[in-house]
Protein backbone atom coordinates (compact mmCIF):
# COMPACT_ATOMS: atom_id res chain seq x y z
CA MET A 1 -12.91 -1.66 -27.90
CA ARG A 2 -10.29 0.59 -26.13
CA ASP A 3 -8.08 0.21 -23.08
CA THR A 4 -8.59 2.46 -20.18
CA GLU A 5 -4.91 3.21 -19.92
CA PRO A 6 -1.86 2.19 -21.98
CA ALA A 7 0.31 -0.74 -20.87
CA CYS A 8 2.85 0.34 -18.37
CA ASP A 9 6.34 -0.71 -17.40
CA SER A 10 5.91 -3.18 -14.45
CA ARG A 11 8.40 -1.33 -12.25
CA LEU A 12 6.73 1.96 -12.78
CA VAL A 13 3.32 0.38 -11.98
CA ALA A 14 4.79 -1.04 -8.77
CA GLU A 15 6.04 2.32 -7.72
CA LYS A 16 2.41 3.75 -8.49
CA LEU A 17 0.79 1.06 -6.50
CA LYS A 18 3.02 1.87 -3.50
CA VAL A 19 1.87 5.42 -3.38
CA ASN A 20 -1.67 5.36 -4.89
CA SER A 21 -3.99 4.83 -1.97
CA CYS A 22 -6.90 4.36 -4.33
CA VAL A 23 -5.65 0.82 -5.54
CA SER A 24 -6.25 -2.20 -3.39
CA PRO A 25 -3.17 -4.66 -3.03
CA ILE A 26 -3.05 -7.33 -5.78
CA HIS A 27 -2.62 -10.00 -3.16
CA SER A 28 -5.52 -10.45 -0.76
CA PRO A 29 -4.67 -9.71 3.01
CA PRO A 30 -5.15 -12.54 5.30
CA LEU A 31 -8.72 -13.48 5.83
CA GLY A 32 -8.47 -12.69 9.70
CA SER A 33 -11.13 -15.31 10.83
CA THR A 34 -12.53 -18.72 9.97
CA ALA A 35 -13.61 -19.35 6.47
CA ILE A 36 -17.36 -19.97 6.30
CA LEU A 37 -17.67 -20.57 2.43
CA ARG A 38 -15.49 -21.84 -0.33
CA GLN A 39 -16.25 -21.65 -4.00
CA ARG A 40 -14.53 -21.84 -7.43
CA TRP A 41 -15.32 -19.00 -9.79
CA SER A 42 -14.32 -19.85 -13.57
CA GLU A 43 -14.81 -18.33 -16.88
CA VAL A 44 -14.95 -14.89 -15.21
CA THR A 45 -15.67 -11.85 -17.47
CA PHE A 46 -15.58 -8.19 -16.17
CA LEU A 47 -17.30 -5.40 -18.23
CA HIS A 48 -16.84 -1.93 -16.79
CA TRP A 49 -18.12 1.39 -17.61
CA ASN A 50 -16.41 4.57 -16.20
CA VAL A 51 -19.00 7.01 -14.52
CA ASP A 52 -19.14 9.97 -12.25
CA PRO A 53 -19.29 9.19 -8.64
CA SER A 54 -22.45 11.24 -8.13
CA ILE A 55 -24.27 8.53 -10.25
CA VAL A 56 -23.70 5.75 -7.91
CA GLU A 57 -23.68 7.57 -4.55
CA PRO A 58 -27.46 6.94 -4.07
CA HIS A 59 -26.85 3.16 -4.29
CA MET A 60 -24.13 3.10 -1.48
CA PRO A 61 -25.09 1.44 1.84
CA PRO A 62 -25.12 3.77 4.95
CA GLY A 63 -21.59 4.52 6.12
CA CYS A 64 -20.10 3.82 2.52
CA SER A 65 -19.29 5.97 -0.46
CA PRO A 66 -18.12 5.47 -3.93
CA ASP A 67 -14.66 4.23 -4.19
CA VAL A 68 -12.86 6.62 -6.78
CA ILE A 69 -9.63 6.37 -8.92
CA ASN A 70 -8.62 9.17 -11.13
CA GLY A 71 -11.70 11.08 -10.35
CA SER A 72 -14.16 8.61 -11.32
CA THR A 73 -15.71 5.23 -10.33
CA TRP A 74 -17.03 2.34 -12.16
CA VAL A 75 -20.15 0.24 -12.83
CA GLY A 76 -19.40 -3.42 -13.58
CA LEU A 77 -21.30 -6.31 -15.26
CA ILE A 78 -19.66 -9.54 -14.11
CA ALA A 79 -20.42 -13.07 -15.15
CA PHE A 80 -18.88 -16.45 -14.26
CA GLN A 81 -19.58 -19.97 -13.56
CA MET A 82 -19.64 -20.84 -9.71
CA SER A 83 -18.87 -24.43 -8.74
CA LYS A 84 -17.54 -26.81 -5.91
CA SER A 85 -19.23 -24.58 -3.24
CA SER A 86 -18.84 -25.95 0.25
CA PHE A 87 -19.56 -24.48 3.93
CA PHE A 88 -17.33 -24.78 6.90
CA GLY A 89 -14.92 -27.35 5.31
CA SER A 90 -17.50 -29.64 4.30
CA PRO A 91 -17.63 -31.59 0.99
CA SER A 92 -18.76 -29.51 -2.01
CA ILE A 93 -22.43 -29.36 -2.90
CA PRO A 94 -22.60 -30.94 -6.45
CA TRP A 95 -25.86 -29.62 -7.61
CA LEU A 96 -26.82 -26.65 -5.27
CA GLY A 97 -23.32 -25.02 -5.60
CA ASN A 98 -22.86 -25.26 -9.19
CA PHE A 99 -24.44 -22.58 -11.43
CA PRO A 100 -23.84 -19.53 -13.61
CA GLU A 101 -23.98 -16.09 -12.07
CA VAL A 102 -24.20 -12.52 -13.49
CA ASN A 103 -24.09 -9.47 -11.21
CA VAL A 104 -24.23 -5.71 -11.39
CA ARG A 105 -21.78 -4.17 -8.90
CA LEU A 106 -20.39 -0.87 -7.81
CA TYR A 107 -17.20 0.08 -5.84
CA SER A 108 -17.22 1.10 -2.33
CA ILE A 109 -15.15 2.36 0.72
CA ASP A 110 -16.54 2.57 4.23
CA GLU A 111 -15.82 4.90 7.03
CA HIS A 112 -13.28 2.42 8.39
CA GLY A 113 -11.24 2.49 5.19
CA HIS A 114 -12.47 -1.08 4.00
CA ARG A 115 -12.79 -1.34 0.09
CA GLY A 116 -15.18 -3.55 -1.36
CA VAL A 117 -18.01 -4.00 -3.75
CA VAL A 118 -21.86 -3.27 -3.59
CA PHE A 119 -24.00 -5.72 -5.43
CA LEU A 120 -27.05 -4.04 -7.21
CA SER A 121 -28.21 -7.32 -8.36
CA LEU A 122 -27.15 -11.04 -8.69
CA GLU A 123 -28.63 -13.48 -11.20
CA ALA A 124 -28.31 -17.14 -10.42
CA SER A 125 -30.17 -20.32 -11.86
CA HIS A 126 -30.87 -22.08 -8.63
CA LEU A 127 -33.69 -20.90 -6.33
CA ILE A 128 -32.46 -22.26 -2.95
CA PRO A 129 -29.18 -20.53 -2.97
CA VAL A 130 -30.99 -17.41 -4.05
CA LEU A 131 -33.17 -17.47 -1.03
CA VAL A 132 -30.18 -18.59 1.27
CA ALA A 133 -28.07 -15.57 0.19
CA ARG A 134 -31.06 -13.14 0.53
CA ALA A 135 -31.84 -14.48 4.08
CA ALA A 136 -28.14 -14.65 5.30
CA PHE A 137 -26.59 -11.70 3.73
CA GLY A 138 -29.23 -9.41 2.41
CA LEU A 139 -27.70 -9.95 -1.08
CA LYS A 140 -30.00 -9.08 -3.85
CA TYR A 141 -29.98 -12.50 -5.75
CA GLN A 142 -32.62 -12.89 -8.32
CA TRP A 143 -33.79 -16.26 -9.83
CA ALA A 144 -33.02 -16.45 -13.62
CA SER A 145 -32.73 -18.91 -16.54
CA MET A 146 -29.11 -19.03 -17.42
CA LYS A 147 -26.50 -20.46 -19.78
CA LEU A 148 -22.85 -20.22 -20.20
CA ALA A 149 -21.11 -21.83 -23.18
CA GLN A 150 -17.42 -21.80 -24.93
CA ARG A 151 -16.88 -22.33 -28.52
CA ASP A 152 -14.11 -21.18 -30.96
CA GLY A 153 -12.25 -19.44 -28.32
CA LYS A 154 -15.23 -17.31 -27.13
CA VAL A 155 -17.22 -17.37 -24.07
CA ALA A 156 -20.93 -16.56 -24.04
CA TYR A 157 -23.17 -15.71 -21.29
CA ARG A 158 -27.00 -15.50 -21.24
CA THR A 159 -29.50 -14.63 -18.57
CA ARG A 160 -33.11 -13.74 -18.20
CA ARG A 161 -34.79 -13.14 -14.83
CA HIS A 162 -38.05 -15.00 -14.11
CA GLY A 163 -40.80 -12.65 -13.91
CA GLN A 164 -38.91 -9.79 -15.42
CA PRO A 165 -38.04 -10.60 -18.92
CA ASP A 166 -36.45 -7.13 -19.61
CA ALA A 167 -33.74 -7.93 -16.89
CA ALA A 168 -31.83 -10.01 -19.34
CA SER A 169 -28.44 -10.09 -20.71
CA HIS A 170 -26.46 -11.87 -23.53
CA PHE A 171 -22.81 -11.22 -24.21
CA ILE A 172 -19.80 -12.89 -25.86
CA VAL A 173 -16.12 -12.17 -25.19
CA ARG A 174 -12.85 -13.45 -26.68
CA PRO A 175 -10.19 -13.85 -24.08
CA SER A 176 -6.68 -12.57 -25.46
CA GLN A 177 -3.84 -15.17 -25.83
CA ASP A 178 -1.21 -12.39 -26.08
CA SER A 179 1.08 -13.07 -23.05
CA ALA A 180 2.73 -9.62 -22.88
CA ALA A 181 -0.53 -7.82 -23.13
CA ASN A 182 -1.99 -10.19 -20.35
CA ALA A 183 1.06 -9.81 -18.11
CA ALA A 184 0.77 -5.98 -18.41
CA VAL A 185 -2.97 -5.94 -17.57
CA ARG A 186 -2.25 -7.76 -14.21
CA VAL A 187 -0.21 -4.96 -12.82
CA ASP A 188 -2.30 -2.24 -14.41
CA PRO A 189 -3.70 0.18 -11.65
CA ILE A 190 -7.28 0.34 -13.08
CA SER A 191 -7.56 -3.45 -13.61
CA THR A 192 -6.29 -3.94 -10.02
CA PHE A 193 -8.91 -1.33 -8.62
CA LEU A 194 -11.69 -3.19 -10.44
CA THR A 195 -10.86 -6.88 -9.58
CA ALA A 196 -8.72 -6.68 -6.34
CA ARG A 197 -11.60 -5.95 -3.96
CA TRP A 198 -11.44 -8.38 -1.03
CA GLY A 199 -14.90 -7.96 0.30
CA PHE A 200 -18.47 -6.64 -0.12
CA HIS A 201 -20.66 -4.15 1.66
CA GLU A 202 -24.51 -4.66 2.02
CA ASN A 203 -27.14 -3.03 4.06
CA HIS A 204 -28.86 -6.04 6.12
CA LEU A 205 -31.25 -5.80 8.93
CA GLY A 206 -30.59 -2.22 9.59
CA HIS A 207 -26.85 -2.55 9.64
CA THR A 208 -24.24 -2.19 7.01
CA ILE A 209 -22.13 -5.39 6.97
CA TYR A 210 -18.74 -6.07 5.44
CA CYS A 211 -17.91 -9.54 4.26
CA ARG A 212 -14.27 -10.34 3.55
CA ASN A 213 -13.03 -12.95 0.89
CA TYR A 214 -9.59 -14.29 0.15
CA HIS A 215 -8.15 -15.76 -3.16
CA ASP A 216 -4.82 -15.93 -5.25
CA PRO A 217 -4.23 -12.84 -7.46
CA TRP A 218 -6.54 -12.93 -10.55
CA PRO A 219 -5.04 -14.45 -13.65
CA LEU A 220 -6.33 -11.63 -15.69
CA GLN A 221 -6.49 -11.42 -19.49
CA HIS A 222 -7.34 -8.76 -21.99
CA ALA A 223 -10.54 -9.61 -23.73
CA GLU A 224 -12.41 -8.45 -26.60
CA LEU A 225 -16.26 -7.83 -26.43
CA VAL A 226 -17.69 -9.54 -29.55
CA TYR A 227 -21.42 -8.99 -28.48
CA LEU A 228 -23.63 -7.29 -25.95
CA ASP A 229 -27.26 -6.90 -25.63
CA ASP A 230 -27.90 -6.05 -21.87
CA GLY A 231 -30.88 -5.04 -19.96
CA LEU A 232 -29.52 -5.77 -16.40
CA LEU A 233 -27.68 -2.37 -16.05
CA ALA A 234 -30.94 -0.59 -16.99
CA ALA A 235 -32.90 -2.62 -14.45
CA ALA A 236 -30.32 -1.65 -11.82
CA GLY A 237 -30.82 2.16 -12.59
CA PHE A 238 -28.30 2.66 -15.32
CA GLU A 239 -30.49 3.26 -18.35
CA GLY A 240 -28.47 4.07 -21.53
CA LEU A 241 -25.00 3.01 -20.10
CA THR A 242 -24.66 0.23 -22.65
CA ASP A 243 -25.20 2.89 -25.44
CA ARG A 244 -21.54 3.03 -25.30
CA ALA A 245 -18.94 0.38 -25.33
CA PRO A 246 -17.29 -0.65 -21.99
CA ASP A 247 -14.13 1.17 -20.90
CA SER A 248 -12.64 -2.20 -19.62
CA VAL A 249 -13.02 -5.74 -20.74
CA LEU A 250 -11.28 -8.42 -18.59
CA TYR A 251 -11.25 -12.13 -18.51
CA ALA A 252 -9.95 -14.67 -15.94
CA PRO A 253 -10.10 -18.55 -16.30
CA GLU A 254 -10.33 -19.40 -12.56
CA VAL A 255 -9.85 -18.72 -9.02
CA THR A 256 -11.02 -20.33 -5.69
CA THR A 257 -12.18 -18.03 -3.03
CA VAL A 258 -13.07 -18.29 0.44
CA PHE A 259 -15.36 -15.96 2.63
CA ALA A 260 -15.39 -15.10 6.29
CA ALA A 261 -18.45 -14.42 8.37
CA PRO A 262 -19.77 -10.90 7.96
CA GLN A 263 -18.57 -8.02 10.12
CA ARG A 264 -21.47 -5.83 11.23
CA HIS A 265 -20.90 -1.98 11.61
CA ASN A 266 -22.82 -0.22 14.20
CA ARG A 267 -26.28 0.72 13.33
CA LEU A 268 -26.10 3.78 10.99
CA HIS A 269 -28.83 6.49 10.74
């Protein structure tokens, strides 16, 4: 596996972040409105491939374009355990809000300058949250059989979509315990671009919506990809992308995030 950029002096990176408008702030801006949903994301793995923006352009919602850094954009395969979900400050939902998720996502910027992600697919093991997310946000959730396990310092993810067995993925990562390398990755501009997104764009009921989220900065770590057998990227339209190794492999143990109600853009033609 190879890093996308060499480790940088933190002072130089800080100066670069100040002048590089391609990079979102490491710290989430204030949510700006009442939180409607709270979740904990844990055992989070980010696998990313660097691609030409023209490849992802057709997948952008109206009014959005690929977000670009250093002339290119990225396709992500992200896996984590979701838990402690609650709505409007209510107690968490022990069963419905606790399940693994694996998603395929792209990086977007809209006509108002809002940076976010675009989800091409989201696998989840509980059917009711899948149906609710589809109806409420238009998100492309899919019902899948899933498993997340940890052993000997490694984290393994498995998913297979019901009714579409080729839309499956199995990958294993080993998070780094090198404190210096992990400190460097947390201020790396590429890592920041890929993880500090603070919202998602979606085409829902004839409008492009933007839904903000807020959480503490990611406690990112370098990670080694031990194994990958993936069909989700091909199912999302990126056949052959996993023929090469990911250009970035990151891990984070846990964050708690909150979401605001979606903002609706004017109808776009």
